[in-house]
Amino acid sequence: MLAVLCAHPAAAAETLRVGKAVAQNFGFIPLDVGIANGMFKAEGIEIEKFDFTGGSKQQQALTAGSIDIALGAGTDLAFIVKGAPELGVASITSSPAFMGITVAEDAGVRGVDDLKGKRLGVTSPGSLTFWLVEELNRVKGWGKDGAAPIVIGGQTAIEIAALKTHQVDGFLANTATGYAFDELKIGHLLLPASAYVDEIELFTTIASTAILEKSPDAVRRFLKAWYDTVAYMKNHKAETVATMHTITGFSEVVEEREYDALMPAFSSDGRFKPKALETIRTIFADLKVLDGPVDLSQLTTEQYLPKK
């Protein structure tokens, strides 16, 4: 028996190439926590991780076949309508609380009504952050006199420079950036996007059709490991915060604030909420990123999720 075991070692883990749209985003941290704590290995999955500087570059890699799975924004589902060979396979979160408006300390902004007429930095034209500024204007009824979205990109160094040079009065970004700026005494998180936006398919796991055809079981095991990791994170704050600090570079104080505010907002099962997807449809229409109506049923599937 010993000879047989030696002659037939355990099968090698299957490798999946997984990309994060932004390395520092808390919504994608379960990948790092799962790697560090062996959740993916327990499911026979070896992760080859790629960090991108935005959703567009990540989508290029997914379309080119350079990665198998993308952890990105729900608005990236628009690429499927445009013919990209991919499919949304799980919801990461339907809470807009992961995003928020950070303002400079010297911008004279003490409440949401003070944002009228202010300049808010966004990552790019037609982006989710752009829409969040426009949605604030709509909700408040400000029209053309509302907050103005100014394209500055999404890098922290650029955001700091834009604030210090008064190019913008604030910006849309992940909430941790607001907490970090508060710690540096140069700005603070004024309000989360959840203060004026309801459910939205904010972050989504998207898989290439190639990996879904080649190894559907690997995708199923990846998703099982992901939601096992989310469950672990909810019961292991100290360990999760330590990993967050290592990955993002933000202080542990900042990461503790982010954990407390957002950990309950993670999806525990990956199911897509119809109302959250309808908000995505609204965004597509508002930003005019697609021509004609959108069949939401063609953008996502739940067939690879862990069984209840």
C-alpha atoms as a PDB file:
ATOM      1  CA  MET A   1       0.000   0.000   0.000  1.00  0.00           C
ATOM      2  CA  LEU A   2       2.848   2.376   0.845  1.00  0.00           C
ATOM      3  CA  ALA A   3       4.425   1.706  -2.534  1.00  0.00           C
ATOM      4  CA  VAL A   4       1.140   2.472  -4.298  1.00  0.00           C
ATOM      5  CA  LEU A   5       0.718   5.769  -2.411  1.00  0.00           C
ATOM      6  CA  CYS A   6       4.239   6.832  -3.295  1.00  0.00           C
ATOM      7  CA  ALA A   7       3.735   5.913  -6.917  1.00  0.00           C
ATOM      8  CA  HIS A   8       0.472   7.901  -7.142  1.00  0.00           C
ATOM      9  CA  PRO A   9       0.848  11.206  -5.286  1.00  0.00           C
ATOM     10  CA  ALA A  10      -2.168  13.472  -4.704  1.00  0.00           C
ATOM     11  CA  ALA A  11      -3.324  15.344  -7.782  1.00  0.00           C
ATOM     12  CA  ALA A  12      -1.831  18.809  -8.202  1.00  0.00           C
ATOM     13  CA  ALA A  13      -4.025  21.793  -7.384  1.00  0.00           C
ATOM     14  CA  GLU A  14      -5.680  23.489 -10.345  1.00  0.00           C
ATOM     15  CA  THR A  15      -4.417  27.022 -11.010  1.00  0.00           C
ATOM     16  CA  LEU A  16      -6.831  29.900 -11.577  1.00  0.00           C
ATOM     17  CA  ARG A  17      -5.581  33.324 -12.665  1.00  0.00           C
ATOM     18  CA  VAL A  18      -7.582  35.882 -10.708  1.00  0.00           C
ATOM     19  CA  GLY A  19      -7.475  39.645 -11.194  1.00  0.00           C
ATOM     20  CA  LYS A  20      -8.454  42.398  -8.766  1.00  0.00           C
ATOM     21  CA  ALA A  21      -9.579  45.619 -10.472  1.00  0.00           C
ATOM     22  CA  VAL A  22      -7.934  47.628  -7.678  1.00  0.00           C
ATOM     23  CA  ALA A  23      -5.493  46.131  -5.180  1.00  0.00           C
ATOM     24  CA  GLN A  24      -6.564  48.247  -2.182  1.00  0.00           C
ATOM     25  CA  ASN A  25     -10.321  47.760  -2.426  1.00  0.00           C
ATOM     26  CA  PHE A  26     -11.756  46.038   0.661  1.00  0.00           C
ATOM     27  CA  GLY A  27     -14.397  44.382  -1.516  1.00  0.00           C
ATOM     28  CA  PHE A  28     -11.696  42.211  -3.100  1.00  0.00           C
ATOM     29  CA  ILE A  29      -9.714  41.455   0.089  1.00  0.00           C
ATOM     30  CA  PRO A  30     -11.349  38.014   0.604  1.00  0.00           C
ATOM     31  CA  LEU A  31      -9.044  36.793  -2.171  1.00  0.00           C
ATOM     32  CA  ASP A  32      -5.975  37.732  -0.115  1.00  0.00           C
ATOM     33  CA  VAL A  33      -7.438  36.424   3.156  1.00  0.00           C
ATOM     34  CA  GLY A  34      -8.400  33.149   1.472  1.00  0.00           C
ATOM     35  CA  ILE A  35      -4.912  32.729   0.045  1.00  0.00           C
ATOM     36  CA  ALA A  36      -3.257  33.523   3.388  1.00  0.00           C
ATOM     37  CA  ASN A  37      -5.448  31.101   5.332  1.00  0.00           C
ATOM     38  CA  GLY A  38      -5.546  28.204   2.872  1.00  0.00           C
ATOM     39  CA  MET A  39      -9.225  28.342   1.891  1.00  0.00           C
ATOM     40  CA  PHE A  40      -8.517  28.005  -1.827  1.00  0.00           C
ATOM     41  CA  LYS A  41      -5.928  25.273  -1.330  1.00  0.00           C
ATOM     42  CA  ALA A  42      -8.469  23.349   0.713  1.00  0.00           C
ATOM     43  CA  GLU A  43     -10.642  23.270  -2.408  1.00  0.00           C
ATOM     44  CA  GLY A  44      -7.781  22.184  -4.651  1.00  0.00           C
ATOM     45  CA  ILE A  45      -7.280  25.654  -6.147  1.00  0.00           C
ATOM     46  CA  GLU A  46      -3.971  27.460  -6.564  1.00  0.00           C
ATOM     47  CA  ILE A  47      -4.401  31.211  -7.064  1.00  0.00           C
ATOM     48  CA  GLU A  48      -2.229  33.242  -9.404  1.00  0.00           C
ATOM     49  CA  LYS A  49      -3.153  36.795  -8.412  1.00  0.00           C
ATOM     50  CA  PHE A  50      -3.025  39.897 -10.601  1.00  0.00           C
ATOM     51  CA  ASP A  51      -3.588  43.465  -9.350  1.00  0.00           C
ATOM     52  CA  PHE A  52      -4.806  46.048 -11.866  1.00  0.00           C
ATOM     53  CA  THR A  53      -5.116  49.830 -11.694  1.00  0.00           C
ATOM     54  CA  GLY A  54      -8.693  49.924 -12.938  1.00  0.00           C
ATOM     55  CA  GLY A  55     -11.539  47.985 -14.467  1.00  0.00           C
ATOM     56  CA  SER A  56     -10.711  48.747 -18.101  1.00  0.00           C
ATOM     57  CA  LYS A  57      -7.246  47.171 -17.918  1.00  0.00           C
ATOM     58  CA  GLN A  58      -8.661  44.207 -16.060  1.00  0.00           C
ATOM     59  CA  GLN A  59     -11.297  43.726 -18.752  1.00  0.00           C
ATOM     60  CA  GLN A  60      -8.631  43.823 -21.454  1.00  0.00           C
ATOM     61  CA  ALA A  61      -6.793  41.014 -19.656  1.00  0.00           C
ATOM     62  CA  LEU A  62      -9.968  38.953 -19.253  1.00  0.00           C
ATOM     63  CA  THR A  63     -10.924  39.372 -22.909  1.00  0.00           C
ATOM     64  CA  ALA A  64      -7.392  38.510 -24.026  1.00  0.00           C
ATOM     65  CA  GLY A  65      -7.411  35.312 -21.980  1.00  0.00           C
ATOM     66  CA  SER A  66      -4.670  36.487 -19.601  1.00  0.00           C
ATOM     67  CA  ILE A  67      -6.844  35.906 -16.528  1.00  0.00           C
ATOM     68  CA  ASP A  68      -9.686  33.490 -15.805  1.00  0.00           C
ATOM     69  CA  ILE A  69     -11.646  35.390 -13.156  1.00  0.00           C
ATOM     70  CA  ALA A  70     -12.094  39.118 -12.541  1.00  0.00           C
ATOM     71  CA  LEU A  71     -13.128  40.750  -9.282  1.00  0.00           C
ATOM     72  CA  GLY A  72     -14.543  44.079 -10.430  1.00  0.00           C
ATOM     73  CA  ALA A  73     -17.424  46.524 -10.560  1.00  0.00           C
ATOM     74  CA  GLY A  74     -20.935  45.423 -11.416  1.00  0.00           C
ATOM     75  CA  THR A  75     -20.973  48.017 -14.180  1.00  0.00           C
ATOM     76  CA  ASP A  76     -18.341  45.884 -15.968  1.00  0.00           C
ATOM     77  CA  LEU A  77     -21.214  43.578 -16.909  1.00  0.00           C
ATOM     78  CA  ALA A  78     -21.787  46.026 -19.780  1.00  0.00           C
ATOM     79  CA  PHE A  79     -18.844  44.420 -21.563  1.00  0.00           C
ATOM     80  CA  ILE A  80     -20.882  41.211 -21.902  1.00  0.00           C
ATOM     81  CA  VAL A  81     -23.540  43.094 -23.866  1.00  0.00           C
ATOM     82  CA  LYS A  82     -20.763  44.418 -26.084  1.00  0.00           C
ATOM     83  CA  GLY A  83     -19.640  40.876 -26.857  1.00  0.00           C
ATOM     84  CA  ALA A  84     -16.948  40.172 -24.266  1.00  0.00           C
ATOM     85  CA  PRO A  85     -16.579  36.399 -23.635  1.00  0.00           C
ATOM     86  CA  GLU A  86     -17.463  36.416 -19.935  1.00  0.00           C
ATOM     87  CA  LEU A  87     -20.305  36.026 -17.451  1.00  0.00           C
ATOM     88  CA  GLY A  88     -21.112  37.310 -13.956  1.00  0.00           C
ATOM     89  CA  VAL A  89     -21.014  34.266 -11.675  1.00  0.00           C
ATOM     90  CA  ALA A  90     -21.413  35.713  -8.158  1.00  0.00           C
ATOM     91  CA  SER A  91     -22.261  38.876  -6.279  1.00  0.00           C
ATOM     92  CA  ILE A  92     -19.606  40.229  -3.923  1.00  0.00           C
ATOM     93  CA  THR A  93     -21.785  42.984  -2.469  1.00  0.00           C
ATOM     94  CA  SER A  94     -24.918  44.912  -3.344  1.00  0.00           C
ATOM     95  CA  SER A  95     -24.146  47.681  -0.863  1.00  0.00           C
ATOM     96  CA  PRO A  96     -23.039  51.129  -2.119  1.00  0.00           C
ATOM     97  CA  ALA A  97     -21.531  51.786   1.341  1.00  0.00           C
ATOM     98  CA  PHE A  98     -18.139  50.612   0.041  1.00  0.00           C
ATOM     99  CA  MET A  99     -17.930  53.918  -1.869  1.00  0.00           C
ATOM    100  CA  GLY A 100     -18.190  57.423  -0.485  1.00  0.00           C
ATOM    101  CA  ILE A 101     -17.506  61.132  -0.879  1.00  0.00           C
ATOM    102  CA  THR A 102     -14.307  62.379   0.730  1.00  0.00           C
ATOM    103  CA  VAL A 103     -13.809  66.157   1.027  1.00  0.00           C
ATOM    104  CA  ALA A 104     -10.831  68.365   1.806  1.00  0.00           C
ATOM    105  CA  GLU A 105     -10.639  69.847   5.299  1.00  0.00           C
ATOM    106  CA  ASP A 106     -10.429  73.375   3.835  1.00  0.00           C
ATOM    107  CA  ALA A 107     -13.235  72.912   1.275  1.00  0.00           C
ATOM    108  CA  GLY A 108     -15.863  74.498   3.510  1.00  0.00           C
ATOM    109  CA  VAL A 109     -18.067  71.388   3.336  1.00  0.00           C
ATOM    110  CA  ARG A 110     -19.798  70.445   6.583  1.00  0.00           C
ATOM    111  CA  GLY A 111     -22.859  68.646   5.217  1.00  0.00           C
ATOM    112  CA  VAL A 112     -24.219  67.153   2.006  1.00  0.00           C
ATOM    113  CA  ASP A 113     -25.965  70.406   0.999  1.00  0.00           C
ATOM    114  CA  ASP A 114     -22.574  72.147   0.934  1.00  0.00           C
ATOM    115  CA  LEU A 115     -21.597  69.957  -2.023  1.00  0.00           C
ATOM    116  CA  LYS A 116     -23.808  71.985  -4.357  1.00  0.00           C
ATOM    117  CA  GLY A 117     -21.532  73.670  -6.888  1.00  0.00           C
ATOM    118  CA  LYS A 118     -18.417  71.857  -5.615  1.00  0.00           C
ATOM    119  CA  ARG A 119     -15.959  69.935  -7.799  1.00  0.00           C
ATOM    120  CA  LEU A 120     -15.731  66.199  -7.080  1.00  0.00           C
ATOM    121  CA  GLY A 121     -12.996  64.036  -8.547  1.00  0.00           C
ATOM    122  CA  VAL A 122     -13.957  60.849 -10.410  1.00  0.00           C
ATOM    123  CA  THR A 123     -11.885  58.115 -12.033  1.00  0.00           C
ATOM    124  CA  SER A 124     -13.000  58.526 -15.652  1.00  0.00           C
ATOM    125  CA  PRO A 125     -15.887  59.743 -17.854  1.00  0.00           C
ATOM    126  CA  GLY A 126     -18.818  57.327 -17.768  1.00  0.00           C
ATOM    127  CA  SER A 127     -17.465  55.479 -14.732  1.00  0.00           C
ATOM    128  CA  LEU A 128     -19.368  54.360 -11.635  1.00  0.00           C
ATOM    129  CA  THR A 129     -17.827  57.238  -9.672  1.00  0.00           C
ATOM    130  CA  PHE A 130     -19.002  59.659 -12.385  1.00  0.00           C
ATOM    131  CA  TRP A 131     -22.531  58.257 -12.088  1.00  0.00           C
ATOM    132  CA  LEU A 132     -22.478  58.543  -8.295  1.00  0.00           C
ATOM    133  CA  VAL A 133     -21.879  62.301  -8.593  1.00  0.00           C
ATOM    134  CA  GLU A 134     -24.640  62.657 -11.168  1.00  0.00           C
ATOM    135  CA  GLU A 135     -27.008  60.576  -9.026  1.00  0.00           C
ATOM    136  CA  LEU A 136     -26.365  62.847  -6.042  1.00  0.00           C
ATOM    137  CA  ASN A 137     -27.333  65.828  -8.203  1.00  0.00           C
ATOM    138  CA  ARG A 138     -30.499  64.041  -9.297  1.00  0.00           C
ATOM    139  CA  VAL A 139     -31.512  63.014  -5.769  1.00  0.00           C
ATOM    140  CA  LYS A 140     -30.939  66.537  -4.449  1.00  0.00           C
ATOM    141  CA  GLY A 141     -32.631  68.150  -7.458  1.00  0.00           C
ATOM    142  CA  TRP A 142     -29.636  70.388  -8.127  1.00  0.00           C
ATOM    143  CA  GLY A 143     -29.544  70.030 -11.913  1.00  0.00           C
ATOM    144  CA  LYS A 144     -26.750  71.919 -13.693  1.00  0.00           C
ATOM    145  CA  ASP A 145     -25.951  73.856 -10.506  1.00  0.00           C
ATOM    146  CA  GLY A 146     -25.004  70.686  -8.649  1.00  0.00           C
ATOM    147  CA  ALA A 147     -21.653  69.076  -7.946  1.00  0.00           C
ATOM    148  CA  ALA A 148     -19.370  68.864 -10.974  1.00  0.00           C
ATOM    149  CA  PRO A 149     -17.550  65.554 -11.717  1.00  0.00           C
ATOM    150  CA  ILE A 150     -13.886  66.226 -12.523  1.00  0.00           C
ATOM    151  CA  VAL A 151     -11.792  63.404 -14.004  1.00  0.00           C
ATOM    152  CA  ILE A 152      -8.609  62.889 -11.962  1.00  0.00           C
ATOM    153  CA  GLY A 153      -8.096  59.104 -11.988  1.00  0.00           C
ATOM    154  CA  GLY A 154      -8.176  56.831  -8.969  1.00  0.00           C
ATOM    155  CA  GLN A 155      -4.660  56.813  -7.510  1.00  0.00           C
ATOM    156  CA  THR A 156      -4.275  58.055  -3.942  1.00  0.00           C
ATOM    157  CA  ALA A 157      -1.261  60.249  -4.733  1.00  0.00           C
ATOM    158  CA  ILE A 158      -3.206  62.015  -7.490  1.00  0.00           C
ATOM    159  CA  GLU A 159      -6.203  62.488  -5.197  1.00  0.00           C
ATOM    160  CA  ILE A 160      -3.981  64.103  -2.556  1.00  0.00           C
ATOM    161  CA  ALA A 161      -2.388  66.405  -5.123  1.00  0.00           C
ATOM    162  CA  ALA A 162      -5.790  67.369  -6.543  1.00  0.00           C
ATOM    163  CA  LEU A 163      -7.018  68.331  -3.073  1.00  0.00           C
ATOM    164  CA  LYS A 164      -3.902  70.272  -2.112  1.00  0.00           C
ATOM    165  CA  THR A 165      -3.880  72.251  -5.374  1.00  0.00           C
ATOM    166  CA  HIS A 166      -7.643  72.854  -5.077  1.00  0.00           C
ATOM    167  CA  GLN A 167      -8.286  71.208  -8.424  1.00  0.00           C
ATOM    168  CA  VAL A 168     -11.186  69.484  -6.654  1.00  0.00           C
ATOM    169  CA  ASP A 169     -13.011  69.963  -3.363  1.00  0.00           C
ATOM    170  CA  GLY A 170     -13.439  66.232  -2.842  1.00  0.00           C
ATOM    171  CA  PHE A 171     -13.748  62.965  -4.716  1.00  0.00           C
ATOM    172  CA  LEU A 172     -15.582  59.638  -4.993  1.00  0.00           C
ATOM    173  CA  ALA A 173     -13.513  56.675  -3.804  1.00  0.00           C
ATOM    174  CA  ASN A 174     -13.536  53.718  -1.456  1.00  0.00           C
ATOM    175  CA  THR A 175     -14.367  54.618   2.126  1.00  0.00           C
ATOM    176  CA  ALA A 176     -10.927  53.642   3.467  1.00  0.00           C
ATOM    177  CA  THR A 177      -9.397  56.539   1.552  1.00  0.00           C
ATOM    178  CA  GLY A 178     -11.641  58.923   3.479  1.00  0.00           C
ATOM    179  CA  TYR A 179     -10.603  57.352   6.783  1.00  0.00           C
ATOM    180  CA  ALA A 180      -6.930  57.555   5.774  1.00  0.00           C
ATOM    181  CA  PHE A 181      -7.233  61.232   4.821  1.00  0.00           C
ATOM    182  CA  ASP A 182      -8.904  61.877   8.175  1.00  0.00           C
ATOM    183  CA  GLU A 183      -5.879  60.302   9.878  1.00  0.00           C
ATOM    184  CA  LEU A 184      -3.582  62.580   7.821  1.00  0.00           C
ATOM    185  CA  LYS A 185      -5.739  65.632   8.679  1.00  0.00           C
ATOM    186  CA  ILE A 186      -6.161  66.581   5.013  1.00  0.00           C
ATOM    187  CA  GLY A 187      -9.753  65.428   4.481  1.00  0.00           C
ATOM    188  CA  HIS A 188     -12.509  63.184   5.755  1.00  0.00           C
ATOM    189  CA  LEU A 189     -15.290  60.902   4.587  1.00  0.00           C
ATOM    190  CA  LEU A 190     -18.364  63.136   4.365  1.00  0.00           C
ATOM    191  CA  LEU A 191     -20.887  60.404   3.610  1.00  0.00           C
ATOM    192  CA  PRO A 192     -21.063  56.906   2.115  1.00  0.00           C
ATOM    193  CA  ALA A 193     -22.839  56.484  -1.210  1.00  0.00           C
ATOM    194  CA  SER A 194     -25.433  54.405   0.631  1.00  0.00           C
ATOM    195  CA  ALA A 195     -26.753  57.687   2.067  1.00  0.00           C
ATOM    196  CA  TYR A 196     -28.406  58.425  -1.275  1.00  0.00           C
ATOM    197  CA  VAL A 197     -28.185  55.228  -3.367  1.00  0.00           C
ATOM    198  CA  ASP A 198     -30.168  52.064  -2.627  1.00  0.00           C
ATOM    199  CA  GLU A 199     -29.072  48.533  -3.544  1.00  0.00           C
ATOM    200  CA  ILE A 200     -26.681  48.223  -6.466  1.00  0.00           C
ATOM    201  CA  GLU A 201     -24.702  45.274  -7.829  1.00  0.00           C
ATOM    202  CA  LEU A 202     -21.533  47.086  -6.778  1.00  0.00           C
ATOM    203  CA  PHE A 203     -18.823  44.419  -6.954  1.00  0.00           C
ATOM    204  CA  THR A 204     -19.105  41.216  -8.959  1.00  0.00           C
ATOM    205  CA  THR A 205     -17.098  38.077  -9.683  1.00  0.00           C
ATOM    206  CA  ILE A 206     -16.875  37.658 -13.450  1.00  0.00           C
ATOM    207  CA  ALA A 207     -15.499  34.538 -15.163  1.00  0.00           C
ATOM    208  CA  SER A 208     -14.322  34.087 -18.729  1.00  0.00           C
ATOM    209  CA  THR A 209     -16.477  31.791 -20.834  1.00  0.00           C
ATOM    210  CA  ALA A 210     -13.274  29.894 -21.637  1.00  0.00           C
ATOM    211  CA  ILE A 211     -12.721  28.810 -18.015  1.00  0.00           C
ATOM    212  CA  LEU A 212     -16.445  28.092 -17.586  1.00  0.00           C
ATOM    213  CA  GLU A 213     -16.280  25.704 -20.531  1.00  0.00           C
ATOM    214  CA  LYS A 214     -12.872  24.224 -19.726  1.00  0.00           C
ATOM    215  CA  SER A 215     -13.171  23.779 -15.963  1.00  0.00           C
ATOM    216  CA  PRO A 216     -16.594  24.634 -14.513  1.00  0.00           C
ATOM    217  CA  ASP A 217     -15.877  22.626 -11.368  1.00  0.00           C
ATOM    218  CA  ALA A 218     -12.802  24.777 -10.648  1.00  0.00           C
ATOM    219  CA  VAL A 219     -15.019  27.870 -10.743  1.00  0.00           C
ATOM    220  CA  ARG A 220     -17.461  26.199  -8.346  1.00  0.00           C
ATOM    221  CA  ARG A 221     -14.635  25.335  -5.956  1.00  0.00           C
ATOM    222  CA  PHE A 222     -13.233  28.872  -6.211  1.00  0.00           C
ATOM    223  CA  LEU A 223     -16.611  30.343  -5.237  1.00  0.00           C
ATOM    224  CA  LYS A 224     -17.026  27.892  -2.357  1.00  0.00           C
ATOM    225  CA  ALA A 225     -13.619  28.921  -1.028  1.00  0.00           C
ATOM    226  CA  TRP A 226     -14.521  32.619  -1.468  1.00  0.00           C
ATOM    227  CA  TYR A 227     -17.688  32.384   0.641  1.00  0.00           C
ATOM    228  CA  ASP A 228     -15.942  30.177   3.198  1.00  0.00           C
ATOM    229  CA  THR A 229     -13.420  33.024   3.453  1.00  0.00           C
ATOM    230  CA  VAL A 230     -16.137  35.656   3.906  1.00  0.00           C
ATOM    231  CA  ALA A 231     -17.586  33.562   6.757  1.00  0.00           C
ATOM    232  CA  TYR A 232     -14.110  33.303   8.302  1.00  0.00           C
ATOM    233  CA  MET A 233     -13.565  37.069   8.021  1.00  0.00           C
ATOM    234  CA  LYS A 234     -16.830  37.814   9.827  1.00  0.00           C
ATOM    235  CA  ASN A 235     -15.594  35.808  12.827  1.00  0.00           C
ATOM    236  CA  HIS A 236     -11.888  36.768  12.758  1.00  0.00           C
ATOM    237  CA  LYS A 237     -11.609  40.542  12.848  1.00  0.00           C
ATOM    238  CA  ALA A 238      -8.014  40.790  14.096  1.00  0.00           C
ATOM    239  CA  GLU A 239      -6.637  38.382  11.495  1.00  0.00           C
ATOM    240  CA  THR A 240      -8.626  40.045   8.696  1.00  0.00           C
ATOM    241  CA  VAL A 241      -7.507  43.552   9.675  1.00  0.00           C
ATOM    242  CA  ALA A 242      -3.876  42.396   9.759  1.00  0.00           C
ATOM    243  CA  THR A 243      -4.166  41.085   6.192  1.00  0.00           C
ATOM    244  CA  MET A 244      -5.968  44.253   5.048  1.00  0.00           C
ATOM    245  CA  HIS A 245      -3.173  46.406   6.480  1.00  0.00           C
ATOM    246  CA  THR A 246      -0.531  44.337   4.679  1.00  0.00           C
ATOM    247  CA  ILE A 247      -2.307  44.532   1.324  1.00  0.00           C
ATOM    248  CA  THR A 248      -3.560  48.133   1.306  1.00  0.00           C
ATOM    249  CA  GLY A 249      -0.848  49.920   3.258  1.00  0.00           C
ATOM    250  CA  PHE A 250      -3.476  51.787   5.293  1.00  0.00           C
ATOM    251  CA  SER A 251      -3.021  51.808   9.071  1.00  0.00           C
ATOM    252  CA  GLU A 252      -4.706  49.168  11.195  1.00  0.00           C
ATOM    253  CA  VAL A 253      -6.844  51.915  12.776  1.00  0.00           C
ATOM    254  CA  VAL A 254      -8.165  52.814   9.302  1.00  0.00           C
ATOM    255  CA  GLU A 255      -8.759  49.177   8.454  1.00  0.00           C
ATOM    256  CA  GLU A 256     -10.595  48.546  11.716  1.00  0.00           C
ATOM    257  CA  ARG A 257     -12.982  51.384  10.881  1.00  0.00           C
ATOM    258  CA  GLU A 258     -13.501  49.979   7.395  1.00  0.00           C
ATOM    259  CA  TYR A 259     -14.016  46.442   8.692  1.00  0.00           C
ATOM    260  CA  ASP A 260     -16.631  47.558  11.236  1.00  0.00           C
ATOM    261  CA  ALA A 261     -18.521  49.602   8.646  1.00  0.00           C
ATOM    262  CA  LEU A 262     -18.446  47.174   5.734  1.00  0.00           C
ATOM    263  CA  MET A 263     -17.897  43.571   6.822  1.00  0.00           C
ATOM    264  CA  PRO A 264     -21.648  42.966   7.367  1.00  0.00           C
ATOM    265  CA  ALA A 265     -22.321  44.193   3.806  1.00  0.00           C
ATOM    266  CA  PHE A 266     -20.526  41.309   2.069  1.00  0.00           C
ATOM    267  CA  SER A 267     -22.769  38.777   0.364  1.00  0.00           C
ATOM    268  CA  SER A 268     -22.593  35.476   2.228  1.00  0.00           C
ATOM    269  CA  ASP A 269     -23.897  33.331  -0.648  1.00  0.00           C
ATOM    270  CA  GLY A 270     -23.247  35.198  -3.919  1.00  0.00           C
ATOM    271  CA  ARG A 271     -26.899  35.376  -4.982  1.00  0.00           C
ATOM    272  CA  PHE A 272     -27.800  38.265  -7.262  1.00  0.00           C
ATOM    273  CA  LYS A 273     -30.508  40.621  -5.995  1.00  0.00           C
ATOM    274  CA  PRO A 274     -32.968  41.702  -8.718  1.00  0.00           C
ATOM    275  CA  LYS A 275     -33.239  45.238  -7.345  1.00  0.00           C
ATOM    276  CA  ALA A 276     -29.444  45.613  -7.311  1.00  0.00           C
ATOM    277  CA  LEU A 277     -29.234  44.487 -10.943  1.00  0.00           C
ATOM    278  CA  GLU A 278     -32.010  46.895 -11.909  1.00  0.00           C
ATOM    279  CA  THR A 279     -29.850  49.732 -10.598  1.00  0.00           C
ATOM    280  CA  ILE A 280     -27.120  48.568 -12.967  1.00  0.00           C
ATOM    281  CA  ARG A 281     -29.621  48.755 -15.822  1.00  0.00           C
ATOM    282  CA  THR A 282     -30.400  52.346 -14.743  1.00  0.00           C
ATOM    283  CA  ILE A 283     -26.714  53.239 -14.751  1.00  0.00           C
ATOM    284  CA  PHE A 284     -26.271  51.838 -18.265  1.00  0.00           C
ATOM    285  CA  ALA A 285     -29.164  54.018 -19.443  1.00  0.00           C
ATOM    286  CA  ASP A 286     -28.053  57.152 -17.581  1.00  0.00           C
ATOM    287  CA  LEU A 287     -24.479  56.949 -18.855  1.00  0.00           C
ATOM    288  CA  LYS A 288     -25.553  55.829 -22.349  1.00  0.00           C
ATOM    289  CA  VAL A 289     -22.917  53.103 -22.346  1.00  0.00           C
ATOM    290  CA  LEU A 290     -25.145  50.738 -24.345  1.00  0.00           C
ATOM    291  CA  ASP A 291     -27.526  51.019 -27.263  1.00  0.00           C
ATOM    292  CA  GLY A 292     -31.027  49.715 -26.685  1.00  0.00           C
ATOM    293  CA  PRO A 293     -32.568  47.652 -23.870  1.00  0.00           C
ATOM    294  CA  VAL A 294     -30.545  45.246 -21.717  1.00  0.00           C
ATOM    295  CA  ASP A 295     -31.549  41.646 -20.991  1.00  0.00           C
ATOM    296  CA  LEU A 296     -30.213  41.218 -17.448  1.00  0.00           C
ATOM    297  CA  SER A 297     -30.697  37.441 -17.601  1.00  0.00           C
ATOM    298  CA  GLN A 298     -27.881  37.248 -20.158  1.00  0.00           C
ATOM    299  CA  LEU A 299     -25.354  38.944 -17.851  1.00  0.00           C
ATOM    300  CA  THR A 300     -25.280  36.662 -14.803  1.00  0.00           C
ATOM    301  CA  THR A 301     -25.803  33.083 -13.679  1.00  0.00           C
ATOM    302  CA  GLU A 302     -26.025  31.399 -10.267  1.00  0.00           C
ATOM    303  CA  GLN A 303     -25.297  27.868 -11.466  1.00  0.00           C
ATOM    304  CA  TYR A 304     -21.709  27.881 -10.157  1.00  0.00           C
ATOM    305  CA  LEU A 305     -22.555  29.035  -6.620  1.00  0.00           C
ATOM    306  CA  PRO A 306     -22.245  26.670  -3.644  1.00  0.00           C
ATOM    307  CA  LYS A 307     -25.375  24.681  -2.948  1.00  0.00           C
ATOM    308  CA  LYS A 308     -27.403  25.827   0.025  1.00  0.00           C
END
